[in-house]
Amino acid sequence: MKISVELTLTPLQDDFEPSIIHFIKKLRDSGLTVLENPLSTQVYGDYDKVMGILTAEIKEAFEMIDKGLLYMKVVKSDRHDYEPHF
C-alpha cells in the first residue's frame, strides 16, 4: 500500500534549526521520495517502509530536542506527482 506523509517538526527551543536540518537530511538519505517546502516535508512510499523509517527518525529527532511537536498527516495514496488542475 502506498502512502503520502506530510511532516512538520517544531522544536520548542531557541536553537531549533540544527535538529530540523538533521531530521530532513536523514529523510533524504532514507531512499524514500522526499519533497520539501518552507512549511513542511513530504515523504512518499510503501506504508511499511515509510512508517519504519519514520519511527526511527522521529525517535532520533525527539532525542535531539528538549521539547517539541511533530505534526503528521498520512494519506492512503502516493501523491508525489500531484499538480493542481486550476
Protein backbone atom coordinates (compact mmCIF):
# COMPACT_ATOMS: atom_id res chain seq x y z
CA MET A 1 0.00 0.00 0.00
CA LYS A 2 1.38 3.41 -0.98
CA ILE A 3 1.13 6.41 1.35
CA SER A 4 1.97 10.10 1.43
CA VAL A 5 3.04 11.70 4.71
CA GLU A 6 3.36 15.40 5.49
CA LEU A 7 5.62 16.24 8.44
CA THR A 8 6.29 19.44 10.33
CA LEU A 9 8.87 19.20 13.13
CA THR A 10 8.66 22.08 15.60
CA PRO A 11 11.27 22.08 18.36
CA LEU A 12 10.19 24.35 21.23
CA GLN A 13 13.58 25.86 21.93
CA ASP A 14 15.74 28.75 20.76
CA ASP A 15 18.31 26.70 18.85
CA PHE A 16 15.83 24.80 16.67
CA GLU A 17 17.46 24.74 13.22
CA PRO A 18 20.11 22.01 13.72
CA SER A 19 17.56 19.38 14.77
CA ILE A 20 15.24 20.20 11.84
CA ILE A 21 18.11 20.11 9.33
CA HIS A 22 19.34 16.79 10.75
CA PHE A 23 15.82 15.29 10.53
CA ILE A 24 15.37 16.37 6.90
CA LYS A 25 18.82 15.13 5.88
CA LYS A 26 18.12 11.73 7.42
CA LEU A 27 14.85 11.51 5.48
CA ARG A 28 16.65 12.48 2.25
CA ASP A 29 19.19 9.69 2.83
CA SER A 30 16.48 7.09 3.54
CA GLY A 31 15.80 6.17 -0.10
CA LEU A 32 12.21 7.41 0.13
CA THR A 33 10.80 10.06 -2.19
CA VAL A 34 11.11 13.31 -0.21
CA LEU A 35 9.79 16.73 -1.24
CA GLU A 36 10.25 19.87 0.84
CA ASN A 37 8.78 23.33 1.09
CA PRO A 38 9.30 26.08 3.68
CA LEU A 39 6.50 24.79 5.92
CA SER A 40 6.75 21.00 5.77
CA THR A 41 8.43 17.91 4.37
CA GLN A 42 6.52 15.29 2.40
CA VAL A 43 7.57 11.63 2.26
CA TYR A 44 6.15 9.07 -0.17
CA GLY A 45 6.43 5.31 -0.49
CA ASP A 46 5.28 1.91 0.69
CA TYR A 47 3.46 2.00 4.04
CA ASP A 48 5.71 -0.44 5.91
CA LYS A 49 8.93 1.14 4.68
CA VAL A 50 7.80 4.74 5.30
CA MET A 51 6.45 4.04 8.77
CA GLY A 52 9.51 2.01 9.76
CA ILE A 53 11.86 4.82 8.72
CA LEU A 54 9.68 7.48 10.32
CA THR A 55 9.54 5.58 13.61
CA ALA A 56 13.34 5.54 13.83
CA GLU A 57 13.91 9.09 12.58
CA ILE A 58 11.20 10.68 14.74
CA LYS A 59 12.67 8.99 17.81
CA GLU A 60 16.14 10.29 16.92
CA ALA A 61 14.78 13.80 16.28
CA PHE A 62 12.98 13.82 19.63
CA GLU A 63 16.16 12.69 21.40
CA MET A 64 17.94 15.76 19.96
CA ILE A 65 15.47 18.29 21.41
CA ASP A 66 14.23 19.13 24.90
CA LYS A 67 10.60 19.77 23.90
CA GLY A 68 8.84 19.79 20.58
CA LEU A 69 5.94 18.92 18.37
CA LEU A 70 5.66 16.81 15.24
CA TYR A 71 2.62 17.33 13.06
CA MET A 72 1.96 14.41 10.74
CA LYS A 73 -0.71 13.82 8.11
CA VAL A 74 -1.00 10.47 6.35
CA VAL A 75 -2.86 9.93 3.07
CA LYS A 76 -3.52 6.49 1.65
CA SER A 77 -2.08 7.03 -1.84
CA ASP A 78 1.15 8.24 -3.38
CA ARG A 79 0.53 11.91 -4.16
CA HIS A 80 4.11 12.92 -5.05
CA ASP A 81 3.15 13.84 -8.61
CA TYR A 82 0.06 15.90 -7.68
CA GLU A 83 -0.44 19.06 -9.73
CA PRO A 84 -3.40 21.40 -9.28
CA HIS A 85 -5.85 21.47 -12.17
CA PHE A 86 -6.91 25.09 -11.76
